[in-house]
Amino acid sequence: MVLNKFVEVIDRTFTLESKKELELMCGLLKEQVDLQKVREWLSELRQESEDQLGNLASLMEIHPLGFEKYVLWNGENSGIRGRLHYWPQNKWPFESIHDHRFNFAVILLCGEYTHEEYNVTELEMDKVEIELTRSSKVVEGDTYFFEAGSFHRVIPSNKMTLSLIVRSKAILPYSRVINPEDLKMRKAFGNVKKFKDKLLTLENALI
């Protein structure tokens, strides 16, 4: 599979735990990935057995930030994961300001959006102050990277938009999301933490 060869290169070469590697990943995406290549990957994936696709299927979701998320690979050794973010035309949500538990590099495959970056100052009672530090229009073929713990959001266009995200393993224990109405910040934990908490709740209920 063409996708498998691409993933093997990433797993063998990258950890995505430094700015230098994130810059190199942006270069690799720019050189080797476009919309036609992703169509080929999707066609290949559909031919895989149900057992092979089971894990990826379980990771598919409508993300809390509004886009459809499709995981294409999940590196068992490196922890690096590749996923598509898809926003259907005219169905964009208004995204909250947030950070991530991981570093990531992205290439925009079609469509466009505005990428905003923020400084966030924590106050009392989960309140924050925000300062817009950068706003840039991202169009088809553009690449960029973003580090864990940095705050940003995506502002919609009216075009169908698709991006490929290549992310590192989790670096931080949780991400943070800011409610735009009251500027309160909450923590968002990964699925493993949520699953463990649910198991503990069930265990306690059986006492």
N, C-alpha and C. Protein backbone atom coordinates (compact mmCIF):
# COMPACT_ATOMS: atom_id res chain seq x y z
N MET A 1 0.83 -1.21 0.00
CA MET A 1 0.00 0.00 0.00
C MET A 1 0.87 1.26 0.00
N VAL A 2 0.47 2.24 -0.80
CA VAL A 2 1.19 3.51 -0.83
C VAL A 2 1.13 4.19 0.52
N LEU A 3 -0.02 4.13 1.18
CA LEU A 3 -0.15 4.75 2.50
C LEU A 3 0.80 4.10 3.50
N ASN A 4 0.89 2.78 3.47
CA ASN A 4 1.77 2.08 4.40
C ASN A 4 3.23 2.52 4.24
N LYS A 5 3.65 2.72 3.00
CA LYS A 5 5.03 3.15 2.76
C LYS A 5 5.27 4.55 3.32
N PHE A 6 4.28 5.42 3.15
CA PHE A 6 4.39 6.78 3.68
C PHE A 6 4.48 6.74 5.20
N VAL A 7 3.64 5.91 5.83
CA VAL A 7 3.63 5.81 7.29
C VAL A 7 4.94 5.22 7.80
N GLU A 8 5.49 4.24 7.07
CA GLU A 8 6.77 3.65 7.47
C GLU A 8 7.88 4.69 7.51
N VAL A 9 7.90 5.58 6.53
CA VAL A 9 8.90 6.65 6.50
C VAL A 9 8.74 7.55 7.73
N ILE A 10 7.52 7.90 8.05
CA ILE A 10 7.27 8.76 9.21
C ILE A 10 7.68 8.08 10.50
N ASP A 11 7.26 6.83 10.68
CA ASP A 11 7.58 6.11 11.92
C ASP A 11 9.09 5.90 12.09
N ARG A 12 9.78 5.74 10.97
CA ARG A 12 11.22 5.49 11.02
C ARG A 12 12.02 6.78 11.24
N THR A 13 11.45 7.92 10.87
CA THR A 13 12.22 9.16 10.80
C THR A 13 11.85 10.19 11.86
N PHE A 14 10.60 10.18 12.32
CA PHE A 14 10.10 11.29 13.12
C PHE A 14 9.62 10.88 14.50
N THR A 15 9.72 11.84 15.44
CA THR A 15 8.98 11.78 16.71
C THR A 15 8.06 12.99 16.83
N LEU A 16 8.36 14.06 16.08
CA LEU A 16 7.60 15.32 16.11
C LEU A 16 7.65 16.00 17.48
N GLU A 17 8.74 15.78 18.20
CA GLU A 17 8.85 16.37 19.53
C GLU A 17 9.75 17.60 19.55
N SER A 18 10.14 18.11 18.38
CA SER A 18 10.94 19.33 18.31
C SER A 18 10.47 20.18 17.13
N LYS A 19 10.78 21.49 17.19
CA LYS A 19 10.41 22.39 16.10
C LYS A 19 11.07 21.96 14.80
N LYS A 20 12.32 21.51 14.89
CA LYS A 20 13.03 21.09 13.68
C LYS A 20 12.30 19.96 12.99
N GLU A 21 11.85 18.96 13.75
CA GLU A 21 11.14 17.84 13.14
C GLU A 21 9.79 18.28 12.58
N LEU A 22 9.13 19.20 13.27
CA LEU A 22 7.85 19.70 12.76
C LEU A 22 8.04 20.45 11.45
N GLU A 23 9.12 21.22 11.34
CA GLU A 23 9.43 21.90 10.08
C GLU A 23 9.71 20.89 8.97
N LEU A 24 10.46 19.83 9.29
CA LEU A 24 10.74 18.79 8.30
C LEU A 24 9.47 18.07 7.88
N MET A 25 8.56 17.84 8.82
CA MET A 25 7.30 17.20 8.48
C MET A 25 6.48 18.07 7.54
N CYS A 26 6.46 19.38 7.78
CA CYS A 26 5.77 20.29 6.86
C CYS A 26 6.35 20.16 5.45
N GLY A 27 7.67 20.06 5.36
CA GLY A 27 8.30 19.89 4.06
C GLY A 27 7.91 18.59 3.39
N LEU A 28 7.84 17.51 4.17
CA LEU A 28 7.44 16.21 3.62
C LEU A 28 6.00 16.26 3.12
N LEU A 29 5.11 16.87 3.90
CA LEU A 29 3.72 16.98 3.48
C LEU A 29 3.60 17.79 2.20
N LYS A 30 4.33 18.89 2.12
CA LYS A 30 4.28 19.75 0.94
C LYS A 30 4.75 19.00 -0.30
N GLU A 31 5.75 18.16 -0.11
CA GLU A 31 6.37 17.45 -1.23
C GLU A 31 5.57 16.24 -1.68
N GLN A 32 4.93 15.53 -0.74
CA GLN A 32 4.39 14.21 -1.07
C GLN A 32 2.87 14.07 -0.96
N VAL A 33 2.18 15.04 -0.39
CA VAL A 33 0.75 14.86 -0.13
C VAL A 33 -0.07 15.93 -0.84
N ASP A 34 -1.09 15.47 -1.56
CA ASP A 34 -2.08 16.38 -2.14
C ASP A 34 -3.43 15.66 -2.14
N LEU A 35 -4.45 16.32 -2.68
CA LEU A 35 -5.80 15.76 -2.63
C LEU A 35 -5.89 14.44 -3.38
N GLN A 36 -5.23 14.32 -4.53
CA GLN A 36 -5.26 13.08 -5.29
C GLN A 36 -4.62 11.95 -4.51
N LYS A 37 -3.50 12.22 -3.83
CA LYS A 37 -2.83 11.19 -3.03
C LYS A 37 -3.74 10.72 -1.91
N VAL A 38 -4.44 11.63 -1.27
CA VAL A 38 -5.34 11.25 -0.18
C VAL A 38 -6.51 10.43 -0.70
N ARG A 39 -7.01 10.75 -1.89
CA ARG A 39 -8.06 9.92 -2.50
C ARG A 39 -7.56 8.49 -2.67
N GLU A 40 -6.33 8.33 -3.12
CA GLU A 40 -5.75 6.99 -3.28
C GLU A 40 -5.66 6.27 -1.93
N TRP A 41 -5.25 7.00 -0.89
CA TRP A 41 -5.17 6.40 0.44
C TRP A 41 -6.55 5.91 0.89
N LEU A 42 -7.56 6.74 0.68
CA LEU A 42 -8.91 6.36 1.11
C LEU A 42 -9.39 5.12 0.36
N SER A 43 -9.09 5.05 -0.92
CA SER A 43 -9.47 3.88 -1.71
C SER A 43 -8.76 2.63 -1.19
N GLU A 44 -7.48 2.76 -0.85
CA GLU A 44 -6.73 1.64 -0.29
C GLU A 44 -7.32 1.18 1.04
N LEU A 45 -7.63 2.14 1.89
CA LEU A 45 -8.15 1.79 3.22
C LEU A 45 -9.48 1.04 3.12
N ARG A 46 -10.30 1.41 2.15
CA ARG A 46 -11.60 0.74 2.03
C ARG A 46 -11.47 -0.73 1.65
N GLN A 47 -10.31 -1.11 1.14
CA GLN A 47 -10.08 -2.51 0.76
C GLN A 47 -9.53 -3.35 1.90
N GLU A 48 -9.20 -2.72 3.02
CA GLU A 48 -8.66 -3.45 4.16
C GLU A 48 -9.75 -4.30 4.82
N SER A 49 -9.32 -5.32 5.57
CA SER A 49 -10.27 -6.19 6.27
C SER A 49 -10.93 -5.44 7.42
N GLU A 50 -12.07 -5.95 7.87
CA GLU A 50 -12.77 -5.32 8.99
C GLU A 50 -11.91 -5.32 10.25
N ASP A 51 -11.15 -6.38 10.46
CA ASP A 51 -10.28 -6.43 11.63
C ASP A 51 -9.22 -5.33 11.58
N GLN A 52 -8.65 -5.11 10.40
CA GLN A 52 -7.62 -4.09 10.27
C GLN A 52 -8.18 -2.68 10.42
N LEU A 53 -9.44 -2.50 10.00
CA LEU A 53 -10.05 -1.17 10.07
C LEU A 53 -10.75 -0.89 11.40
N GLY A 54 -10.89 -1.92 12.22
CA GLY A 54 -11.66 -1.77 13.45
C GLY A 54 -11.15 -0.66 14.36
N ASN A 55 -9.85 -0.60 14.57
CA ASN A 55 -9.27 0.41 15.45
C ASN A 55 -9.47 1.81 14.89
N LEU A 56 -9.22 1.97 13.58
CA LEU A 56 -9.40 3.28 12.96
C LEU A 56 -10.86 3.71 13.00
N ALA A 57 -11.76 2.76 12.76
CA ALA A 57 -13.19 3.09 12.78
C ALA A 57 -13.62 3.58 14.15
N SER A 58 -13.05 3.01 15.21
CA SER A 58 -13.43 3.41 16.57
C SER A 58 -12.96 4.83 16.89
N LEU A 59 -11.99 5.34 16.14
CA LEU A 59 -11.46 6.69 16.38
C LEU A 59 -12.17 7.75 15.54
N MET A 60 -13.03 7.34 14.62
CA MET A 60 -13.77 8.29 13.80
C MET A 60 -14.83 8.98 14.65
N GLU A 61 -15.00 10.29 14.47
CA GLU A 61 -16.00 11.00 15.27
C GLU A 61 -16.32 12.36 14.65
N ILE A 62 -17.46 12.91 15.09
CA ILE A 62 -17.71 14.32 14.91
C ILE A 62 -17.02 15.00 16.08
N HIS A 63 -15.95 15.70 15.82
CA HIS A 63 -15.13 16.27 16.89
C HIS A 63 -15.93 17.32 17.67
N PRO A 64 -15.69 17.45 18.98
CA PRO A 64 -16.38 18.49 19.76
C PRO A 64 -16.21 19.90 19.18
N LEU A 65 -15.14 20.13 18.43
CA LEU A 65 -14.94 21.44 17.80
C LEU A 65 -15.65 21.56 16.46
N GLY A 66 -16.35 20.50 16.03
CA GLY A 66 -17.29 20.63 14.93
C GLY A 66 -16.96 19.92 13.63
N PHE A 67 -15.71 19.56 13.38
CA PHE A 67 -15.37 18.93 12.12
C PHE A 67 -15.50 17.41 12.22
N GLU A 68 -15.53 16.75 11.07
CA GLU A 68 -15.50 15.29 11.03
C GLU A 68 -14.04 14.84 11.04
N LYS A 69 -13.73 13.90 11.92
CA LYS A 69 -12.34 13.43 12.08
C LYS A 69 -12.23 11.98 11.61
N TYR A 70 -11.28 11.73 10.70
CA TYR A 70 -11.02 10.39 10.18
C TYR A 70 -9.55 10.05 10.40
N VAL A 71 -9.27 9.10 11.28
CA VAL A 71 -7.89 8.69 11.52
C VAL A 71 -7.47 7.71 10.43
N LEU A 72 -6.38 8.03 9.73
CA LEU A 72 -5.88 7.19 8.64
C LEU A 72 -4.85 6.18 9.11
N TRP A 73 -4.07 6.55 10.11
CA TRP A 73 -3.13 5.60 10.71
C TRP A 73 -2.85 6.01 12.14
N ASN A 74 -2.46 5.01 12.93
CA ASN A 74 -2.16 5.22 14.35
C ASN A 74 -0.90 4.44 14.68
N GLY A 75 0.25 5.12 14.65
CA GLY A 75 1.53 4.44 14.83
C GLY A 75 1.68 3.81 16.20
N GLU A 76 1.77 2.50 16.26
CA GLU A 76 1.86 1.80 17.54
C GLU A 76 3.19 2.06 18.24
N ASN A 77 4.26 2.18 17.49
CA ASN A 77 5.57 2.38 18.10
C ASN A 77 5.88 3.85 18.36
N SER A 78 5.64 4.69 17.36
CA SER A 78 5.99 6.11 17.48
C SER A 78 4.93 6.93 18.20
N GLY A 79 3.68 6.43 18.19
CA GLY A 79 2.59 7.23 18.73
C GLY A 79 2.11 8.31 17.78
N ILE A 80 2.73 8.40 16.60
CA ILE A 80 2.32 9.41 15.62
C ILE A 80 1.04 8.96 14.92
N ARG A 81 0.14 9.89 14.76
CA ARG A 81 -1.17 9.58 14.19
C ARG A 81 -1.47 10.55 13.04
N GLY A 82 -2.02 10.03 11.95
CA GLY A 82 -2.45 10.87 10.84
C GLY A 82 -3.96 10.88 10.75
N ARG A 83 -4.53 12.06 10.60
CA ARG A 83 -5.99 12.14 10.55
C ARG A 83 -6.44 13.26 9.62
N LEU A 84 -7.57 13.04 8.99
CA LEU A 84 -8.20 14.06 8.16
C LEU A 84 -9.21 14.83 8.99
N HIS A 85 -9.24 16.14 8.80
CA HIS A 85 -10.28 17.00 9.36
C HIS A 85 -11.11 17.52 8.19
N TYR A 86 -12.42 17.26 8.24
CA TYR A 86 -13.30 17.57 7.12
C TYR A 86 -14.44 18.46 7.59
N TRP A 87 -14.57 19.62 6.94
CA TRP A 87 -15.68 20.51 7.20
C TRP A 87 -16.52 20.60 5.93
N PRO A 88 -17.74 20.02 5.92
CA PRO A 88 -18.60 20.14 4.73
C PRO A 88 -18.92 21.61 4.43
N GLN A 89 -19.21 21.89 3.18
CA GLN A 89 -19.50 23.27 2.78
C GLN A 89 -20.69 23.83 3.56
N ASN A 90 -20.53 25.06 4.05
CA ASN A 90 -21.58 25.80 4.76
C ASN A 90 -22.06 25.10 6.03
N LYS A 91 -21.24 24.24 6.62
CA LYS A 91 -21.63 23.59 7.87
C LYS A 91 -20.55 23.77 8.93
N TRP A 92 -19.97 24.94 8.96
CA TRP A 92 -18.90 25.22 9.90
C TRP A 92 -19.45 25.67 11.24
N PRO A 93 -18.90 25.21 12.34
CA PRO A 93 -19.24 25.75 13.65
C PRO A 93 -18.35 26.95 13.96
N PHE A 94 -18.64 27.63 15.03
CA PHE A 94 -17.75 28.68 15.52
C PHE A 94 -16.85 28.04 16.56
N GLU A 95 -15.59 27.88 16.23
CA GLU A 95 -14.68 27.09 17.04
C GLU A 95 -14.20 27.86 18.27
N SER A 96 -14.14 27.17 19.41
CA SER A 96 -13.61 27.78 20.63
C SER A 96 -12.09 27.86 20.56
N ILE A 97 -11.52 28.79 21.31
CA ILE A 97 -10.07 28.87 21.46
C ILE A 97 -9.62 27.68 22.31
N HIS A 98 -8.56 27.01 21.88
CA HIS A 98 -8.14 25.79 22.56
C HIS A 98 -6.66 25.52 22.32
N ASP A 99 -6.11 24.59 23.09
CA ASP A 99 -4.77 24.09 22.81
C ASP A 99 -4.84 22.58 22.60
N HIS A 100 -3.68 21.94 22.45
CA HIS A 100 -3.63 20.49 22.19
C HIS A 100 -2.62 19.82 23.12
N ARG A 101 -2.84 18.53 23.34
CA ARG A 101 -1.91 17.73 24.14
C ARG A 101 -0.66 17.35 23.35
N PHE A 102 -0.68 17.55 22.06
CA PHE A 102 0.37 17.05 21.17
C PHE A 102 0.84 18.16 20.23
N ASN A 103 2.02 17.96 19.64
CA ASN A 103 2.48 18.78 18.52
C ASN A 103 1.86 18.25 17.24
N PHE A 104 1.70 19.12 16.25
CA PHE A 104 1.20 18.62 14.97
C PHE A 104 1.67 19.49 13.81
N ALA A 105 1.71 18.86 12.63
CA ALA A 105 1.93 19.55 11.37
C ALA A 105 0.69 19.33 10.51
N VAL A 106 0.38 20.30 9.65
CA VAL A 106 -0.86 20.23 8.87
C VAL A 106 -0.60 20.71 7.44
N ILE A 107 -1.31 20.09 6.50
CA ILE A 107 -1.39 20.61 5.14
C ILE A 107 -2.86 20.75 4.78
N LEU A 108 -3.21 21.88 4.18
CA LEU A 108 -4.59 22.09 3.74
C LEU A 108 -4.74 21.53 2.33
N LEU A 109 -5.64 20.57 2.18
CA LEU A 109 -5.79 19.85 0.92
C LEU A 109 -6.78 20.52 -0.02
N CYS A 110 -7.80 21.17 0.52
CA CYS A 110 -8.74 21.95 -0.29
C CYS A 110 -9.48 22.91 0.63
N GLY A 111 -10.06 23.95 0.03
CA GLY A 111 -10.77 24.94 0.82
C GLY A 111 -9.84 25.98 1.42
N GLU A 112 -10.32 26.64 2.47
CA GLU A 112 -9.52 27.67 3.13
C GLU A 112 -10.12 27.98 4.50
N TYR A 113 -9.31 28.54 5.39
CA TYR A 113 -9.79 29.06 6.66
C TYR A 113 -8.80 30.09 7.19
N THR A 114 -9.22 30.77 8.25
CA THR A 114 -8.33 31.70 8.94
C THR A 114 -7.86 31.05 10.22
N HIS A 115 -6.55 31.06 10.43
CA HIS A 115 -5.96 30.46 11.63
C HIS A 115 -5.54 31.58 12.57
N GLU A 116 -6.12 31.57 13.79
CA GLU A 116 -5.82 32.59 14.79
C GLU A 116 -5.01 31.99 15.93
N GLU A 117 -4.00 32.73 16.39
CA GLU A 117 -3.18 32.30 17.52
C GLU A 117 -3.33 33.30 18.67
N TYR A 118 -3.29 32.79 19.91
CA TYR A 118 -3.60 33.61 21.08
C TYR A 118 -2.58 33.43 22.19
N ASN A 119 -2.35 34.50 22.94
CA ASN A 119 -1.76 34.42 24.27
C ASN A 119 -2.90 34.34 25.27
N VAL A 120 -2.77 33.47 26.25
CA VAL A 120 -3.81 33.29 27.26
C VAL A 120 -3.19 33.47 28.64
N THR A 121 -3.81 34.33 29.45
CA THR A 121 -3.38 34.56 30.83
C THR A 121 -4.44 34.02 31.77
N GLU A 122 -4.04 33.10 32.64
CA GLU A 122 -4.98 32.50 33.58
C GLU A 122 -5.22 33.43 34.77
N LEU A 123 -6.50 33.60 35.14
CA LEU A 123 -6.91 34.39 36.29
C LEU A 123 -7.48 33.46 37.35
N GLU A 124 -8.30 33.97 38.25
CA GLU A 124 -8.92 33.14 39.28
C GLU A 124 -10.21 32.51 38.77
N MET A 125 -10.61 31.43 39.45
CA MET A 125 -11.90 30.78 39.17
C MET A 125 -12.03 30.34 37.71
N ASP A 126 -10.95 29.83 37.15
CA ASP A 126 -10.91 29.32 35.77
C ASP A 126 -11.11 30.39 34.71
N LYS A 127 -11.12 31.65 35.09
CA LYS A 127 -11.26 32.74 34.12
C LYS A 127 -9.91 33.02 33.46
N VAL A 128 -9.97 33.54 32.22
CA VAL A 128 -8.75 33.86 31.49
C VAL A 128 -8.90 35.20 30.78
N GLU A 129 -7.76 35.78 30.43
CA GLU A 129 -7.70 36.89 29.50
C GLU A 129 -7.05 36.39 28.22
N ILE A 130 -7.55 36.83 27.07
CA ILE A 130 -7.00 36.38 25.79
C ILE A 130 -6.50 37.57 24.98
N GLU A 131 -5.45 37.31 24.20
CA GLU A 131 -4.88 38.32 23.32
C GLU A 131 -4.57 37.68 21.98
N LEU A 132 -5.22 38.17 20.92
CA LEU A 132 -4.93 37.68 19.57
C LEU A 132 -3.54 38.14 19.16
N THR A 133 -2.66 37.20 18.84
CA THR A 133 -1.28 37.55 18.48
C THR A 133 -0.99 37.38 16.99
N ARG A 134 -1.80 36.57 16.31
CA ARG A 134 -1.56 36.36 14.88
C ARG A 134 -2.82 35.84 14.22
N SER A 135 -3.11 36.35 13.02
CA SER A 135 -4.23 35.87 12.22
C SER A 135 -3.75 35.71 10.79
N SER A 136 -3.89 34.50 10.23
CA SER A 136 -3.39 34.25 8.88
C SER A 136 -4.38 33.41 8.09
N LYS A 137 -4.53 33.73 6.82
CA LYS A 137 -5.39 32.95 5.93
C LYS A 137 -4.62 31.74 5.43
N VAL A 138 -5.22 30.56 5.56
CA VAL A 138 -4.61 29.32 5.12
C VAL A 138 -5.38 28.81 3.91
N VAL A 139 -4.69 28.54 2.81
CA VAL A 139 -5.34 28.11 1.58
C VAL A 139 -4.75 26.78 1.11
N GLU A 140 -5.37 26.22 0.08
CA GLU A 140 -4.95 24.91 -0.44
C GLU A 140 -3.44 24.86 -0.70
N GLY A 141 -2.80 23.82 -0.16
CA GLY A 141 -1.37 23.63 -0.34
C GLY A 141 -0.51 24.22 0.76
N ASP A 142 -1.09 25.06 1.61
CA ASP A 142 -0.32 25.64 2.71
C ASP A 142 -0.03 24.60 3.79
N THR A 143 1.11 24.73 4.44
CA THR A 143 1.47 23.89 5.58
C THR A 143 1.87 24.78 6.75
N TYR A 144 1.69 24.26 7.95
CA TYR A 144 2.20 24.93 9.14
C TYR A 144 2.25 23.91 10.26
N PHE A 145 2.90 24.29 11.37
CA PHE A 145 2.92 23.39 12.53
C PHE A 145 2.54 24.18 13.77
N PHE A 146 2.13 23.43 14.81
CA PHE A 146 1.69 24.06 16.05
C PHE A 146 2.12 23.15 17.20
N GLU A 147 2.55 23.78 18.29
CA GLU A 147 3.10 23.03 19.41
C GLU A 147 2.07 22.82 20.52
N ALA A 148 2.22 21.72 21.24
CA ALA A 148 1.35 21.41 22.38
C ALA A 148 1.36 22.56 23.37
N GLY A 149 0.17 22.87 23.92
CA GLY A 149 0.07 23.90 24.93
C GLY A 149 -0.10 25.31 24.40
N SER A 150 -0.03 25.50 23.08
CA SER A 150 -0.25 26.81 22.46
C SER A 150 -1.71 26.94 22.06
N PHE A 151 -2.26 28.14 22.18
CA PHE A 151 -3.70 28.34 21.95
C PHE A 151 -3.96 28.88 20.54
N HIS A 152 -5.04 28.38 19.95
CA HIS A 152 -5.44 28.83 18.61
C HIS A 152 -6.91 28.50 18.37
N ARG A 153 -7.39 28.91 17.21
CA ARG A 153 -8.68 28.44 16.71
C ARG A 153 -8.73 28.67 15.21
N VAL A 154 -9.69 28.01 14.56
CA VAL A 154 -9.92 28.13 13.12
C VAL A 154 -11.22 28.89 12.90
N ILE A 155 -11.17 29.92 12.03
CA ILE A 155 -12.35 30.69 11.67
C ILE A 155 -12.80 30.24 10.28
N PRO A 156 -14.07 29.94 10.09
CA PRO A 156 -14.53 29.27 8.86
C PRO A 156 -14.56 30.16 7.63
N SER A 157 -14.54 29.49 6.49
CA SER A 157 -14.93 30.08 5.21
C SER A 157 -16.24 29.40 4.82
N ASN A 158 -16.75 29.69 3.63
CA ASN A 158 -17.97 29.02 3.19
C ASN A 158 -17.66 27.89 2.21
N LYS A 159 -16.40 27.44 2.18
CA LYS A 159 -15.99 26.39 1.26
C LYS A 159 -15.80 25.06 1.98
N MET A 160 -16.10 23.98 1.27
CA MET A 160 -15.75 22.66 1.79
C MET A 160 -14.24 22.63 1.99
N THR A 161 -13.82 22.15 3.16
CA THR A 161 -12.41 22.22 3.52
C THR A 161 -11.93 20.89 4.09
N LEU A 162 -10.73 20.49 3.70
CA LEU A 162 -10.15 19.23 4.17
C LEU A 162 -8.67 19.46 4.47
N SER A 163 -8.25 19.00 5.64
CA SER A 163 -6.83 19.10 6.01
C SER A 163 -6.33 17.74 6.49
N LEU A 164 -5.03 17.53 6.35
CA LEU A 164 -4.37 16.36 6.92
C LEU A 164 -3.51 16.82 8.08
N ILE A 165 -3.74 16.23 9.25
CA ILE A 165 -2.99 16.53 10.46
C ILE A 165 -2.10 15.33 10.77
N VAL A 166 -0.81 15.58 10.99
CA VAL A 166 0.09 14.53 11.47
C VAL A 166 0.56 14.96 12.85
N ARG A 167 0.17 14.21 13.86
CA ARG A 167 0.38 14.63 15.25
C ARG A 167 1.32 13.68 15.98
N SER A 168 2.01 14.23 16.96
CA SER A 168 2.90 13.44 17.80
C SER A 168 2.08 12.65 18.82
N LYS A 169 2.74 11.82 19.59
CA LYS A 169 2.10 11.22 20.75
C LYS A 169 1.76 12.34 21.74
N ALA A 170 0.88 12.05 22.68
CA ALA A 170 0.49 13.05 23.67
C ALA A 170 1.70 13.48 24.49
N ILE A 171 1.89 14.78 24.61
CA ILE A 171 2.98 15.36 25.39
C ILE A 171 2.46 15.89 26.73
N LEU A 172 1.24 16.43 26.72
CA LEU A 172 0.62 16.98 27.92
C LEU A 172 -0.52 16.07 28.37
N PRO A 173 -0.90 16.10 29.65
CA PRO A 173 -1.94 15.20 30.16
C PRO A 173 -3.35 15.56 29.70
N TYR A 174 -3.56 16.80 29.30
CA TYR A 174 -4.90 17.23 28.87
C TYR A 174 -4.77 18.47 27.98
N SER A 175 -5.84 18.74 27.24
CA SER A 175 -5.92 19.99 26.49
C SER A 175 -6.84 20.95 27.23
N ARG A 176 -6.89 22.20 26.78
CA ARG A 176 -7.70 23.22 27.44
C ARG A 176 -8.56 23.94 26.41
N VAL A 177 -9.82 24.18 26.78
CA VAL A 177 -10.79 24.81 25.88
C VAL A 177 -11.39 26.01 26.59
N ILE A 178 -11.48 27.14 25.89
CA ILE A 178 -11.99 28.38 26.46
C ILE A 178 -13.38 28.66 25.92
N ASN A 179 -14.34 28.82 26.82
CA ASN A 179 -15.70 29.20 26.44
C ASN A 179 -15.69 30.66 25.99
N PRO A 180 -16.06 30.95 24.73
CA PRO A 180 -15.97 32.33 24.24
C PRO A 180 -16.97 33.28 24.90
N GLU A 181 -18.01 32.74 25.53
CA GLU A 181 -19.04 33.60 26.12
C GLU A 181 -18.62 34.16 27.47
N ASP A 182 -18.03 33.32 28.33
CA ASP A 182 -17.66 33.79 29.66
C ASP A 182 -16.15 33.76 29.92
N LEU A 183 -15.37 33.37 28.89
CA LEU A 183 -13.91 33.29 29.00
C LEU A 183 -13.47 32.42 30.18
N LYS A 184 -14.19 31.31 30.36
CA LYS A 184 -13.77 30.31 31.34
C LYS A 184 -13.10 29.16 30.62
N MET A 185 -12.06 28.62 31.26
CA MET A 185 -11.28 27.55 30.65
C MET A 185 -11.53 26.23 31.36
N ARG A 186 -11.71 25.17 30.57
CA ARG A 186 -11.88 23.83 31.14
C ARG A 186 -10.82 22.90 30.56
N LYS A 187 -10.56 21.83 31.29
CA LYS A 187 -9.61 20.82 30.85
C LYS A 187 -10.34 19.71 30.10
N ALA A 188 -9.74 19.23 29.03
CA ALA A 188 -10.31 18.12 28.26
C ALA A 188 -9.27 17.00 28.20
N PHE A 189 -9.64 15.85 28.76
CA PHE A 189 -8.72 14.73 28.83
C PHE A 189 -8.89 13.80 27.63
N GLY A 190 -7.87 13.01 27.34
CA GLY A 190 -7.92 12.06 26.25
C GLY A 190 -8.84 10.89 26.55
N ASN A 191 -9.10 10.08 25.53
CA ASN A 191 -10.06 8.98 25.67
C ASN A 191 -9.62 7.94 26.69
N VAL A 192 -8.31 7.69 26.82
CA VAL A 192 -7.85 6.69 27.80
C VAL A 192 -8.19 7.14 29.21
N LYS A 193 -7.93 8.41 29.52
CA LYS A 193 -8.26 8.94 30.84
C LYS A 193 -9.77 8.87 31.08
N LYS A 194 -10.56 9.23 30.08
CA LYS A 194 -12.01 9.17 30.22
C LYS A 194 -12.47 7.73 30.47
N PHE A 195 -11.86 6.78 29.74
CA PHE A 195 -12.24 5.38 29.88
C PHE A 195 -11.90 4.86 31.27
N LYS A 196 -10.71 5.22 31.78
CA LYS A 196 -10.33 4.81 33.13
C LYS A 196 -11.28 5.38 34.18
N ASP A 197 -11.67 6.64 34.01
CA ASP A 197 -12.61 7.26 34.95
C ASP A 197 -13.95 6.54 34.93
N LYS A 198 -14.41 6.16 33.74
CA LYS A 198 -15.68 5.43 33.63
C LYS A 198 -15.58 4.06 34.29
N LEU A 199 -14.44 3.39 34.11
CA LEU A 199 -14.24 2.09 34.75
C LEU A 199 -14.26 2.22 36.26
N LEU A 200 -13.64 3.28 36.79
CA LEU A 200 -13.64 3.51 38.23
C LEU A 200 -15.04 3.77 38.74
N THR A 201 -15.81 4.55 38.00
CA THR A 201 -17.20 4.81 38.39
C THR A 201 -18.01 3.52 38.43
N LEU A 202 -17.82 2.68 37.40
CA LEU A 202 -18.53 1.40 37.36
C LEU A 202 -18.09 0.50 38.51
N GLU A 203 -16.78 0.46 38.76
CA GLU A 203 -16.24 -0.36 39.86
C GLU A 203 -16.85 0.06 41.19
N ASN A 204 -16.92 1.36 41.44
CA ASN A 204 -17.48 1.86 42.70
C ASN A 204 -18.97 1.58 42.81
N ALA A 205 -19.66 1.56 41.67
CA ALA A 205 -21.09 1.29 41.69
C ALA A 205 -21.39 -0.16 42.07
N LEU A 206 -20.39 -1.03 41.90
CA LEU A 206 -20.60 -2.46 42.18
C LEU A 206 -20.22 -2.84 43.61
N ILE A 207 -19.81 -1.88 44.41
CA ILE A 207 -19.46 -2.17 45.80
C ILE A 207 -20.72 -2.42 46.61
